[in-house]
Amino acid sequence: MASEFKLTPENIQMMKDVLIQHVPHARALGLIIVDAKPGQSWLSVPYDEKLIGNIETGVIHGGVITTLLDNACGTAVQLALPERTSIATLDLRIDYMKPATPGLALTGHAHCYKVTRNIAFVRGTAYHTDEADPIATCVGTFMLAANRATPIEYAAAADLLPKTEG
C-alpha cells in the first residue's frame, strides 16, 4: 500500500525539521536544514569549538563535513521521492579540496539527480559562503526502502531516545 505522503511546499517545510531531528548524530552536531526543494537540500552546521579536529589550527574535523554531506544527500533523496521511504547510504565518496576556515559555519548543498526503482544518485558540495569555492564535494548512492519500513515521525522517534539530564 502506498503512503499518503505527497511532496508539497507545506510538507517540505515540515520535513525540514523531521529529516534531521530523527538522526541523533545530526542533532548533536547542530545540523539545520536551511532550505529545501524537490530533490535538493541545503544544510548548515555552525562553527563550534567542540567540532575542531586540530586544536592548533581550529579547523573543523573532516568527520563533521562527512556528516553534513551525508545528511544533505539523504535529505535531497527523500525530497526526490514520490513518497516517504527508508533509505540507507550505499556509497559516499568525498573529495576534500581544502580545510574549512576556522570560525565560519559550513553549508552543504545536495542534489538528487537520478532515482531508479532501488537506488538514488546524489551530488553534493560543502562550502562556507560560495558554492563555487568548495571545501569538499561528494557523489553518493542511496538504497531505497532500505529496511522495508516507513520512517517513523520525529515525535514517535523522540519517545524512543534515551532521556538525558541537562
C-alpha atoms as a PDB file:
ATOM      1  CA  MET A   1       0.000   0.000   0.000  1.00  0.00           C
ATOM      2  CA  ALA A   2       1.440   3.371  -0.999  1.00  0.00           C
ATOM      3  CA  SER A   3       1.917   6.102   1.532  1.00  0.00           C
ATOM      4  CA  GLU A   4      -0.434   9.069   1.625  1.00  0.00           C
ATOM      5  CA  PHE A   5       2.610  11.391   1.654  1.00  0.00           C
ATOM      6  CA  LYS A   6       2.777  13.970  -1.141  1.00  0.00           C
ATOM      7  CA  LEU A   7       5.632  16.407  -1.746  1.00  0.00           C
ATOM      8  CA  THR A   8       4.083  19.840  -1.322  1.00  0.00           C
ATOM      9  CA  PRO A   9       5.626  23.120  -0.127  1.00  0.00           C
ATOM     10  CA  GLU A  10       3.939  22.548   3.237  1.00  0.00           C
ATOM     11  CA  ASN A  11       5.367  19.019   3.524  1.00  0.00           C
ATOM     12  CA  ILE A  12       8.834  20.261   2.582  1.00  0.00           C
ATOM     13  CA  GLN A  13       8.609  22.767   5.429  1.00  0.00           C
ATOM     14  CA  MET A  14       7.536  20.032   7.853  1.00  0.00           C
ATOM     15  CA  MET A  15      10.264  17.697   6.598  1.00  0.00           C
ATOM     16  CA  LYS A  16      12.918  20.369   7.156  1.00  0.00           C
ATOM     17  CA  ASP A  17      12.642  19.544  10.845  1.00  0.00           C
ATOM     18  CA  VAL A  18      11.770  15.841  10.736  1.00  0.00           C
ATOM     19  CA  LEU A  19      14.530  14.754   8.353  1.00  0.00           C
ATOM     20  CA  ILE A  20      17.305  15.951  10.648  1.00  0.00           C
ATOM     21  CA  GLN A  21      15.700  15.686  14.066  1.00  0.00           C
ATOM     22  CA  HIS A  22      15.311  11.893  13.887  1.00  0.00           C
ATOM     23  CA  VAL A  23      19.111  11.493  13.469  1.00  0.00           C
ATOM     24  CA  PRO A  24      20.757  11.836  16.911  1.00  0.00           C
ATOM     25  CA  HIS A  25      24.230  12.439  15.436  1.00  0.00           C
ATOM     26  CA  ALA A  26      22.904  15.269  13.251  1.00  0.00           C
ATOM     27  CA  ARG A  27      21.195  16.843  16.265  1.00  0.00           C
ATOM     28  CA  ALA A  28      24.385  16.532  18.330  1.00  0.00           C
ATOM     29  CA  LEU A  29      26.337  18.433  15.666  1.00  0.00           C
ATOM     30  CA  GLY A  30      23.668  21.137  15.409  1.00  0.00           C
ATOM     31  CA  LEU A  31      22.786  20.472  11.757  1.00  0.00           C
ATOM     32  CA  ILE A  32      19.881  22.505  10.452  1.00  0.00           C
ATOM     33  CA  ILE A  33      18.089  22.480   7.120  1.00  0.00           C
ATOM     34  CA  VAL A  34      18.445  25.979   5.712  1.00  0.00           C
ATOM     35  CA  ASP A  35      16.443  25.416   2.550  1.00  0.00           C
ATOM     36  CA  ALA A  36      14.874  22.568   0.619  1.00  0.00           C
ATOM     37  CA  LYS A  37      13.001  21.941  -2.586  1.00  0.00           C
ATOM     38  CA  PRO A  38      12.194  18.811  -4.579  1.00  0.00           C
ATOM     39  CA  GLY A  39      15.383  16.789  -4.944  1.00  0.00           C
ATOM     40  CA  GLN A  40      17.617  19.396  -3.278  1.00  0.00           C
ATOM     41  CA  SER A  41      18.619  20.424   0.215  1.00  0.00           C
ATOM     42  CA  TRP A  42      20.858  22.973   1.891  1.00  0.00           C
ATOM     43  CA  LEU A  43      22.083  22.126   5.394  1.00  0.00           C
ATOM     44  CA  SER A  44      24.284  24.100   7.735  1.00  0.00           C
ATOM     45  CA  VAL A  45      26.405  23.373  10.768  1.00  0.00           C
ATOM     46  CA  PRO A  46      27.555  26.315  12.894  1.00  0.00           C
ATOM     47  CA  TYR A  47      31.206  26.616  13.847  1.00  0.00           C
ATOM     48  CA  ASP A  48      31.702  25.227  17.325  1.00  0.00           C
ATOM     49  CA  GLU A  49      34.972  24.660  19.160  1.00  0.00           C
ATOM     50  CA  LYS A  50      33.670  21.207  20.173  1.00  0.00           C
ATOM     51  CA  LEU A  51      33.878  20.223  16.495  1.00  0.00           C
ATOM     52  CA  ILE A  52      37.540  21.152  15.992  1.00  0.00           C
ATOM     53  CA  GLY A  53      39.711  18.378  14.602  1.00  0.00           C
ATOM     54  CA  ASN A  54      43.061  20.144  15.031  1.00  0.00           C
ATOM     55  CA  ILE A  55      43.353  22.258  18.166  1.00  0.00           C
ATOM     56  CA  GLU A  56      46.394  24.117  16.786  1.00  0.00           C
ATOM     57  CA  THR A  57      44.612  25.363  13.669  1.00  0.00           C
ATOM     58  CA  GLY A  58      40.983  25.427  14.833  1.00  0.00           C
ATOM     59  CA  VAL A  59      39.882  23.593  11.670  1.00  0.00           C
ATOM     60  CA  ILE A  60      36.639  21.617  11.893  1.00  0.00           C
ATOM     61  CA  HIS A  61      37.099  17.830  11.860  1.00  0.00           C
ATOM     62  CA  GLY A  62      36.606  16.144   8.484  1.00  0.00           C
ATOM     63  CA  GLY A  63      34.007  13.841  10.031  1.00  0.00           C
ATOM     64  CA  VAL A  64      31.739  16.842  10.562  1.00  0.00           C
ATOM     65  CA  ILE A  65      31.961  17.621   6.840  1.00  0.00           C
ATOM     66  CA  THR A  66      31.237  13.969   6.041  1.00  0.00           C
ATOM     67  CA  THR A  67      28.172  14.027   8.292  1.00  0.00           C
ATOM     68  CA  LEU A  68      26.977  17.314   6.790  1.00  0.00           C
ATOM     69  CA  LEU A  69      27.242  15.947   3.241  1.00  0.00           C
ATOM     70  CA  ASP A  70      25.733  12.547   4.093  1.00  0.00           C
ATOM     71  CA  ASN A  71      22.712  14.190   5.731  1.00  0.00           C
ATOM     72  CA  ALA A  72      22.337  16.759   2.930  1.00  0.00           C
ATOM     73  CA  CYS A  73      22.399  13.932   0.374  1.00  0.00           C
ATOM     74  CA  GLY A  74      19.924  11.811   2.328  1.00  0.00           C
ATOM     75  CA  THR A  75      17.581  14.762   2.688  1.00  0.00           C
ATOM     76  CA  ALA A  76      17.811  15.501  -1.054  1.00  0.00           C
ATOM     77  CA  VAL A  77      16.950  11.865  -1.778  1.00  0.00           C
ATOM     78  CA  GLN A  78      13.887  11.991   0.500  1.00  0.00           C
ATOM     79  CA  LEU A  79      12.797  15.171  -1.274  1.00  0.00           C
ATOM     80  CA  ALA A  80      13.174  13.495  -4.695  1.00  0.00           C
ATOM     81  CA  LEU A  81      10.910  10.561  -3.856  1.00  0.00           C
ATOM     82  CA  PRO A  82       7.172  10.477  -4.583  1.00  0.00           C
ATOM     83  CA  GLU A  83       6.544   9.067  -1.095  1.00  0.00           C
ATOM     84  CA  ARG A  84       8.487   8.687   2.154  1.00  0.00           C
ATOM     85  CA  THR A  85      10.544   5.535   2.476  1.00  0.00           C
ATOM     86  CA  SER A  86      13.525   4.373   4.486  1.00  0.00           C
ATOM     87  CA  ILE A  87      16.875   4.932   2.811  1.00  0.00           C
ATOM     88  CA  ALA A  88      20.454   3.908   3.545  1.00  0.00           C
ATOM     89  CA  THR A  89      23.751   5.294   2.293  1.00  0.00           C
ATOM     90  CA  LEU A  90      25.323   2.702  -0.009  1.00  0.00           C
ATOM     91  CA  ASP A  91      28.330   4.721  -1.113  1.00  0.00           C
ATOM     92  CA  LEU A  92      29.564   8.229  -0.374  1.00  0.00           C
ATOM     93  CA  ARG A  93      32.770   9.382  -1.993  1.00  0.00           C
ATOM     94  CA  ILE A  94      34.098  12.691  -0.673  1.00  0.00           C
ATOM     95  CA  ASP A  95      36.888  14.732  -2.209  1.00  0.00           C
ATOM     96  CA  TYR A  96      38.342  17.266   0.221  1.00  0.00           C
ATOM     97  CA  MET A  97      39.545  20.371  -1.600  1.00  0.00           C
ATOM     98  CA  LYS A  98      40.833  22.490   1.282  1.00  0.00           C
ATOM     99  CA  PRO A  99      40.471  22.832   5.055  1.00  0.00           C
ATOM    100  CA  ALA A 100      37.444  24.647   6.420  1.00  0.00           C
ATOM    101  CA  THR A 101      38.156  28.149   7.686  1.00  0.00           C
ATOM    102  CA  PRO A 102      38.144  28.347  11.493  1.00  0.00           C
ATOM    103  CA  GLY A 103      35.242  30.377  12.875  1.00  0.00           C
ATOM    104  CA  LEU A 104      32.971  30.019   9.845  1.00  0.00           C
ATOM    105  CA  ALA A 105      29.803  27.952   9.565  1.00  0.00           C
ATOM    106  CA  LEU A 106      29.640  25.229   6.944  1.00  0.00           C
ATOM    107  CA  THR A 107      26.897  24.781   4.350  1.00  0.00           C
ATOM    108  CA  GLY A 108      26.182  21.634   2.394  1.00  0.00           C
ATOM    109  CA  HIS A 109      24.111  21.552  -0.785  1.00  0.00           C
ATOM    110  CA  ALA A 110      22.997  18.251  -2.311  1.00  0.00           C
ATOM    111  CA  HIS A 111      21.069  17.430  -5.470  1.00  0.00           C
ATOM    112  CA  CYS A 112      19.450  14.055  -6.136  1.00  0.00           C
ATOM    113  CA  TYR A 113      19.745  13.881  -9.919  1.00  0.00           C
ATOM    114  CA  LYS A 114      18.525  10.329 -10.634  1.00  0.00           C
ATOM    115  CA  VAL A 115      16.162   7.897  -8.928  1.00  0.00           C
ATOM    116  CA  THR A 116      15.695   4.311 -10.086  1.00  0.00           C
ATOM    117  CA  ARG A 117      13.487   1.609  -8.592  1.00  0.00           C
ATOM    118  CA  ASN A 118      16.053   0.747  -5.898  1.00  0.00           C
ATOM    119  CA  ILE A 119      18.838   3.364  -5.975  1.00  0.00           C
ATOM    120  CA  ALA A 120      19.075   7.164  -5.818  1.00  0.00           C
ATOM    121  CA  PHE A 121      22.118   9.092  -7.097  1.00  0.00           C
ATOM    122  CA  VAL A 122      23.261  12.326  -5.482  1.00  0.00           C
ATOM    123  CA  ARG A 123      25.944  15.035  -5.795  1.00  0.00           C
ATOM    124  CA  GLY A 124      26.891  17.469  -3.066  1.00  0.00           C
ATOM    125  CA  THR A 125      29.172  20.331  -2.089  1.00  0.00           C
ATOM    126  CA  ALA A 126      30.339  21.653   1.286  1.00  0.00           C
ATOM    127  CA  TYR A 127      31.345  25.315   1.396  1.00  0.00           C
ATOM    128  CA  HIS A 128      31.350  28.446   3.530  1.00  0.00           C
ATOM    129  CA  THR A 129      29.705  31.244   1.519  1.00  0.00           C
ATOM    130  CA  ASP A 130      30.308  30.409  -2.151  1.00  0.00           C
ATOM    131  CA  GLU A 131      29.415  27.005  -3.559  1.00  0.00           C
ATOM    132  CA  ALA A 132      31.859  27.679  -6.417  1.00  0.00           C
ATOM    133  CA  ASP A 133      34.669  27.635  -3.805  1.00  0.00           C
ATOM    134  CA  PRO A 134      34.125  24.201  -2.233  1.00  0.00           C
ATOM    135  CA  ILE A 135      35.721  22.747   0.863  1.00  0.00           C
ATOM    136  CA  ALA A 136      34.623  19.284  -0.285  1.00  0.00           C
ATOM    137  CA  THR A 137      32.483  17.666  -2.954  1.00  0.00           C
ATOM    138  CA  CYS A 138      30.762  14.301  -2.966  1.00  0.00           C
ATOM    139  CA  VAL A 139      28.869  11.791  -5.037  1.00  0.00           C
ATOM    140  CA  GLY A 140      26.732   9.159  -3.420  1.00  0.00           C
ATOM    141  CA  THR A 141      24.233   6.391  -3.880  1.00  0.00           C
ATOM    142  CA  PHE A 142      21.379   5.552  -1.540  1.00  0.00           C
ATOM    143  CA  MET A 143      19.361   2.343  -1.303  1.00  0.00           C
ATOM    144  CA  LEU A 144      15.620   2.932  -1.337  1.00  0.00           C
ATOM    145  CA  ALA A 145      13.285   1.045   1.009  1.00  0.00           C
ATOM    146  CA  ALA A 146      16.419   0.049   2.917  1.00  0.00           C
ATOM    147  CA  ASN A 147      14.629  -1.869   5.643  1.00  0.00           C
ATOM    148  CA  ARG A 148      11.198  -2.014   4.041  1.00  0.00           C
ATOM    149  CA  ALA A 149       9.789   0.081   6.868  1.00  0.00           C
ATOM    150  CA  THR A 150       8.250   3.523   6.757  1.00  0.00           C
ATOM    151  CA  PRO A 151      10.341   6.091   8.664  1.00  0.00           C
ATOM    152  CA  ILE A 152       8.785   6.982  11.993  1.00  0.00           C
ATOM    153  CA  GLU A 153       7.794  10.546  12.643  1.00  0.00           C
ATOM    154  CA  TYR A 154      10.029  12.669  14.859  1.00  0.00           C
ATOM    155  CA  ALA A 155       7.568  12.788  17.741  1.00  0.00           C
ATOM    156  CA  ALA A 156       7.466   8.999  17.878  1.00  0.00           C
ATOM    157  CA  ALA A 157      11.247   8.767  17.413  1.00  0.00           C
ATOM    158  CA  ALA A 158      11.850  11.212  20.277  1.00  0.00           C
ATOM    159  CA  ASP A 159       9.969   8.903  22.618  1.00  0.00           C
ATOM    160  CA  LEU A 160      12.413   6.109  21.744  1.00  0.00           C
ATOM    161  CA  LEU A 161      15.556   8.127  22.503  1.00  0.00           C
ATOM    162  CA  PRO A 162      17.175   7.834  25.937  1.00  0.00           C
ATOM    163  CA  LYS A 163      16.354  10.727  28.228  1.00  0.00           C
ATOM    164  CA  THR A 164      19.292  12.906  29.265  1.00  0.00           C
ATOM    165  CA  GLU A 165      19.517  15.144  32.240  1.00  0.00           C
ATOM    166  CA  GLY A 166      20.800  18.571  31.451  1.00  0.00           C
END
